[in-house]
């Protein structure tokens, strides 16, 4: 589940609100153990996701680096190549 959380810092263009929310949702799902919470826990999970998203946005806004921003397309291609090598999909599309 946590493998779906992507690095969000130092990209051009910067991480979107949707990407931050998705990462927050994955984090809360992992730590809570709920993929789909019961009605009794739905409000608590939603609140936690919102709070984690806010904290994540604050973190991303305050981090600094001297490194050049990474290009999303290049990083995505590198990830596809790593996955192809890892899972033996070099000849498949």
Protein backbone atom coordinates (compact mmCIF):
# COMPACT_ATOMS: atom_id res chain seq x y z
CA UNK A 1 0.00 0.00 0.00
CA UNK A 2 2.71 2.53 0.92
CA UNK A 3 4.57 1.87 -2.32
CA UNK A 4 1.95 4.09 -3.92
CA UNK A 5 3.10 7.12 -1.96
CA UNK A 6 5.23 9.15 -4.33
CA UNK A 7 7.98 11.62 -3.55
CA UNK A 8 6.39 15.05 -3.86
CA UNK A 9 9.25 17.44 -3.14
CA UNK A 10 11.41 19.24 -5.70
CA UNK A 11 9.50 18.52 -8.88
CA UNK A 12 8.70 20.79 -11.77
CA UNK A 13 5.79 21.40 -11.84
CA UNK A 14 5.25 21.23 -8.05
CA UNK A 15 3.00 18.62 -6.46
CA UNK A 16 -0.70 19.24 -6.92
CA UNK A 17 -3.33 19.28 -4.19
CA UNK A 18 -4.67 15.99 -5.59
CA UNK A 19 -1.24 14.33 -5.35
CA UNK A 20 -0.84 15.51 -1.76
CA UNK A 21 -4.33 14.26 -0.88
CA UNK A 22 -3.65 10.86 -2.50
CA UNK A 23 -0.41 10.45 -0.56
CA UNK A 24 -2.18 11.46 2.66
CA UNK A 25 -4.96 8.97 2.03
CA UNK A 26 -2.45 6.16 1.45
CA UNK A 27 -0.59 7.07 4.64
CA UNK A 28 -3.75 7.12 6.77
CA UNK A 29 -4.93 3.84 5.25
CA UNK A 30 -1.60 2.22 6.10
CA UNK A 31 -1.36 3.40 9.70
CA UNK A 32 -5.05 2.77 10.43
CA UNK A 33 -5.22 -0.61 8.72
CA UNK A 34 -8.45 0.41 7.00
CA UNK A 35 -8.74 0.40 3.24
CA UNK A 36 -12.44 1.24 3.50
CA UNK A 37 -13.42 2.24 7.04
CA UNK A 38 -16.75 1.45 8.63
CA UNK A 39 -19.36 4.18 8.96
CA UNK A 40 -18.34 4.54 12.62
CA UNK A 41 -14.75 5.39 11.63
CA UNK A 42 -15.41 7.28 8.39
CA UNK A 43 -15.35 10.77 9.94
CA UNK A 44 -12.16 10.07 11.91
CA UNK A 45 -10.38 8.77 8.79
CA UNK A 46 -11.54 11.73 6.69
CA UNK A 47 -10.36 14.19 9.34
CA UNK A 48 -6.99 12.44 9.60
CA UNK A 49 -6.50 12.55 5.82
CA UNK A 50 -7.29 16.28 5.78
CA UNK A 51 -4.89 16.99 8.64
CA UNK A 52 -2.09 14.92 7.07
CA UNK A 53 -2.64 16.72 3.75
CA UNK A 54 -2.38 20.10 5.47
CA UNK A 55 0.81 19.06 7.30
CA UNK A 56 2.26 17.69 4.06
CA UNK A 57 1.54 20.92 2.20
CA UNK A 58 3.17 22.92 5.00
CA UNK A 59 6.21 20.64 4.88
CA UNK A 60 6.57 20.95 1.11
CA UNK A 61 6.22 24.74 1.36
CA UNK A 62 9.04 25.03 3.90
CA UNK A 63 11.60 22.56 2.52
CA UNK A 64 14.58 24.04 0.70
CA UNK A 65 17.15 22.54 -1.64
CA UNK A 66 19.95 23.64 -3.93
CA UNK A 67 19.22 20.79 -6.34
CA UNK A 68 17.52 21.45 -9.64
CA UNK A 69 13.85 20.40 -9.72
CA UNK A 70 13.28 16.94 -11.15
CA UNK A 71 11.26 16.48 -14.31
CA UNK A 72 8.13 14.38 -13.76
CA UNK A 73 8.22 12.74 -17.18
CA UNK A 74 11.86 11.70 -16.86
CA UNK A 75 11.31 10.33 -13.36
CA UNK A 76 8.20 8.41 -14.52
CA UNK A 77 10.19 6.85 -17.37
CA UNK A 78 12.95 5.84 -14.96
CA UNK A 79 10.34 4.24 -12.67
CA UNK A 80 8.85 2.31 -15.59
CA UNK A 81 12.31 1.05 -16.55
CA UNK A 82 13.02 -0.04 -12.95
CA UNK A 83 9.68 -1.84 -12.76
CA UNK A 84 10.27 -3.55 -16.09
CA UNK A 85 13.63 -4.79 -14.89
CA UNK A 86 12.30 -5.76 -11.46
CA UNK A 87 9.26 -7.64 -12.71
CA UNK A 88 10.75 -8.96 -15.95
CA UNK A 89 8.57 -6.93 -18.27
CA UNK A 90 11.29 -5.65 -20.62
CA UNK A 91 9.65 -7.13 -23.72
CA UNK A 92 6.04 -6.36 -22.79
CA UNK A 93 4.10 -3.16 -23.27
